[in-house]
Amino acid sequence: MLVKGKLVVKLPSERVDSLVAESEGEPFDSGTGKHMREWFTLSSTSTQRWHALAKEAMKFVEGRD
């Protein structure tokens, strides 16, 4: 999904932690001040990066991770 112009995807929590550690983005906060487990906000505006993470997220939610 897009939130305030940024891509937000559902991924395994370990993957979210890894992406955050790599400075790719941050855990998603829906506005409550609390991070949502397994949700990640990508900071890059690269559509190529968006595409790769969207595909990864689709596999995860389909149960094929």
N, C-alpha and C. Protein backbone atom coordinates (compact mmCIF):
# COMPACT_ATOMS: atom_id res chain seq x y z
N MET A 1 0.85 -1.18 0.00
CA MET A 1 0.00 0.00 0.00
C MET A 1 0.89 1.24 0.00
N LEU A 2 0.31 2.36 -0.39
CA LEU A 2 1.02 3.64 -0.33
C LEU A 2 0.46 4.46 0.82
N VAL A 3 1.35 4.99 1.64
CA VAL A 3 0.96 5.86 2.75
C VAL A 3 1.85 7.10 2.67
N LYS A 4 1.22 8.23 2.46
CA LYS A 4 1.94 9.50 2.34
C LYS A 4 3.05 9.41 1.29
N GLY A 5 2.76 8.74 0.19
CA GLY A 5 3.71 8.63 -0.92
C GLY A 5 4.82 7.63 -0.73
N LYS A 6 4.77 6.84 0.34
CA LYS A 6 5.80 5.84 0.59
C LYS A 6 5.19 4.44 0.51
N LEU A 7 5.99 3.50 0.01
CA LEU A 7 5.55 2.12 -0.09
C LEU A 7 5.61 1.46 1.29
N VAL A 8 4.52 0.78 1.67
CA VAL A 8 4.45 0.04 2.92
C VAL A 8 4.12 -1.40 2.57
N VAL A 9 4.92 -2.34 3.07
CA VAL A 9 4.73 -3.75 2.73
C VAL A 9 4.75 -4.61 3.99
N LYS A 10 4.09 -5.76 3.90
CA LYS A 10 4.09 -6.74 4.99
C LYS A 10 5.13 -7.80 4.67
N LEU A 11 6.08 -7.97 5.58
CA LEU A 11 7.18 -8.92 5.42
C LEU A 11 7.42 -9.62 6.75
N PRO A 12 8.15 -10.73 6.75
CA PRO A 12 8.49 -11.37 8.02
C PRO A 12 9.24 -10.38 8.93
N SER A 13 8.99 -10.46 10.21
CA SER A 13 9.59 -9.49 11.14
C SER A 13 11.12 -9.49 11.07
N GLU A 14 11.73 -10.67 10.81
CA GLU A 14 13.19 -10.73 10.69
C GLU A 14 13.66 -9.93 9.48
N ARG A 15 12.89 -9.99 8.41
CA ARG A 15 13.24 -9.25 7.19
C ARG A 15 13.10 -7.75 7.41
N VAL A 16 12.04 -7.35 8.12
CA VAL A 16 11.86 -5.94 8.46
C VAL A 16 13.06 -5.46 9.27
N ASP A 17 13.45 -6.23 10.27
CA ASP A 17 14.61 -5.87 11.10
C ASP A 17 15.87 -5.72 10.25
N SER A 18 16.05 -6.63 9.30
CA SER A 18 17.22 -6.58 8.42
C SER A 18 17.21 -5.33 7.55
N LEU A 19 16.07 -5.01 6.96
CA LEU A 19 15.96 -3.82 6.11
C LEU A 19 16.19 -2.54 6.91
N VAL A 20 15.69 -2.50 8.14
CA VAL A 20 15.90 -1.34 9.00
C VAL A 20 17.40 -1.21 9.33
N ALA A 21 18.03 -2.34 9.64
CA ALA A 21 19.47 -2.33 9.96
C ALA A 21 20.30 -1.87 8.76
N GLU A 22 19.82 -2.14 7.55
CA GLU A 22 20.51 -1.72 6.32
C GLU A 22 20.14 -0.30 5.91
N SER A 23 19.38 0.39 6.73
CA SER A 23 18.94 1.78 6.48
C SER A 23 18.10 1.91 5.20
N GLU A 24 17.34 0.86 4.88
CA GLU A 24 16.46 0.88 3.71
C GLU A 24 15.16 1.63 4.00
N GLY A 25 14.80 1.71 5.28
CA GLY A 25 13.55 2.34 5.68
C GLY A 25 13.34 2.16 7.16
N GLU A 26 12.06 2.08 7.54
CA GLU A 26 11.74 1.98 8.97
C GLU A 26 10.49 1.14 9.18
N PRO A 27 10.31 0.65 10.41
CA PRO A 27 9.07 -0.07 10.71
C PRO A 27 7.89 0.87 10.51
N PHE A 28 6.77 0.34 10.06
CA PHE A 28 5.59 1.16 9.79
C PHE A 28 4.86 1.52 11.09
N ASP A 29 4.49 2.79 11.20
CA ASP A 29 3.69 3.30 12.31
C ASP A 29 2.43 3.90 11.70
N SER A 30 1.28 3.38 12.07
CA SER A 30 0.02 3.83 11.48
C SER A 30 -0.48 5.15 12.06
N GLY A 31 0.34 5.77 12.90
CA GLY A 31 -0.05 7.05 13.48
C GLY A 31 -0.35 6.95 14.97
N THR A 32 -0.18 5.77 15.52
CA THR A 32 -0.45 5.56 16.94
C THR A 32 0.79 5.74 17.80
N GLY A 33 1.94 5.90 17.14
CA GLY A 33 3.20 6.00 17.88
C GLY A 33 3.80 4.64 18.17
N LYS A 34 3.18 3.60 17.65
CA LYS A 34 3.64 2.23 17.89
C LYS A 34 3.90 1.54 16.55
N HIS A 35 5.05 0.90 16.43
CA HIS A 35 5.38 0.19 15.20
C HIS A 35 4.51 -1.06 15.06
N MET A 36 4.08 -1.30 13.83
CA MET A 36 3.30 -2.49 13.54
C MET A 36 4.24 -3.62 13.14
N ARG A 37 4.15 -4.73 13.85
CA ARG A 37 5.01 -5.89 13.58
C ARG A 37 4.76 -6.40 12.17
N GLU A 38 5.82 -6.72 11.48
CA GLU A 38 5.81 -7.25 10.12
C GLU A 38 5.45 -6.22 9.05
N TRP A 39 5.45 -4.95 9.37
CA TRP A 39 5.15 -3.92 8.37
C TRP A 39 6.35 -2.99 8.24
N PHE A 40 6.70 -2.67 7.00
CA PHE A 40 7.91 -1.91 6.71
C PHE A 40 7.59 -0.77 5.75
N THR A 41 8.18 0.40 6.03
CA THR A 41 8.05 1.57 5.16
C THR A 41 9.38 1.79 4.44
N LEU A 42 9.34 1.70 3.13
CA LEU A 42 10.55 1.89 2.32
C LEU A 42 10.82 3.38 2.14
N SER A 43 12.04 3.79 2.39
CA SER A 43 12.37 5.21 2.23
C SER A 43 12.78 5.57 0.81
N SER A 44 13.17 4.59 0.01
CA SER A 44 13.60 4.85 -1.37
C SER A 44 12.41 5.17 -2.27
N THR A 45 12.65 6.04 -3.22
CA THR A 45 11.61 6.34 -4.22
C THR A 45 11.87 5.58 -5.51
N SER A 46 12.86 4.71 -5.52
CA SER A 46 13.20 3.93 -6.70
C SER A 46 12.09 2.92 -7.00
N THR A 47 11.47 3.04 -8.18
CA THR A 47 10.40 2.11 -8.53
C THR A 47 10.94 0.69 -8.70
N GLN A 48 12.21 0.57 -9.04
CA GLN A 48 12.82 -0.75 -9.15
C GLN A 48 12.86 -1.42 -7.78
N ARG A 49 13.22 -0.66 -6.77
CA ARG A 49 13.26 -1.19 -5.39
C ARG A 49 11.84 -1.49 -4.91
N TRP A 50 10.89 -0.62 -5.25
CA TRP A 50 9.48 -0.84 -4.88
C TRP A 50 9.01 -2.18 -5.45
N HIS A 51 9.32 -2.40 -6.72
CA HIS A 51 8.87 -3.62 -7.40
C HIS A 51 9.41 -4.87 -6.70
N ALA A 52 10.69 -4.86 -6.38
CA ALA A 52 11.32 -6.03 -5.74
C ALA A 52 10.69 -6.31 -4.38
N LEU A 53 10.48 -5.27 -3.58
CA LEU A 53 9.89 -5.49 -2.26
C LEU A 53 8.42 -5.86 -2.35
N ALA A 54 7.71 -5.33 -3.32
CA ALA A 54 6.30 -5.68 -3.50
C ALA A 54 6.18 -7.16 -3.86
N LYS A 55 7.06 -7.66 -4.73
CA LYS A 55 7.05 -9.08 -5.09
C LYS A 55 7.36 -9.95 -3.87
N GLU A 56 8.33 -9.52 -3.08
CA GLU A 56 8.70 -10.25 -1.87
C GLU A 56 7.52 -10.29 -0.89
N ALA A 57 6.85 -9.17 -0.74
CA ALA A 57 5.69 -9.09 0.16
C ALA A 57 4.54 -9.97 -0.33
N MET A 58 4.31 -10.00 -1.64
CA MET A 58 3.24 -10.84 -2.19
C MET A 58 3.51 -12.32 -1.88
N LYS A 59 4.75 -12.75 -2.05
CA LYS A 59 5.10 -14.13 -1.73
C LYS A 59 4.85 -14.42 -0.26
N PHE A 60 5.21 -13.48 0.60
CA PHE A 60 5.05 -13.66 2.03
C PHE A 60 3.57 -13.80 2.41
N VAL A 61 2.75 -12.91 1.94
CA VAL A 61 1.33 -12.96 2.33
C VAL A 61 0.59 -14.13 1.67
N GLU A 62 1.12 -14.63 0.56
CA GLU A 62 0.55 -15.81 -0.08
C GLU A 62 1.03 -17.09 0.60
N GLY A 63 1.97 -16.96 1.54
CA GLY A 63 2.48 -18.13 2.26
C GLY A 63 3.57 -18.87 1.55
N ARG A 64 4.23 -18.20 0.60
CA ARG A 64 5.30 -18.86 -0.15
C ARG A 64 6.68 -18.30 0.19
N ASP A 65 6.86 -17.78 1.36
CA ASP A 65 8.16 -17.20 1.72
C ASP A 65 9.10 -18.33 1.95
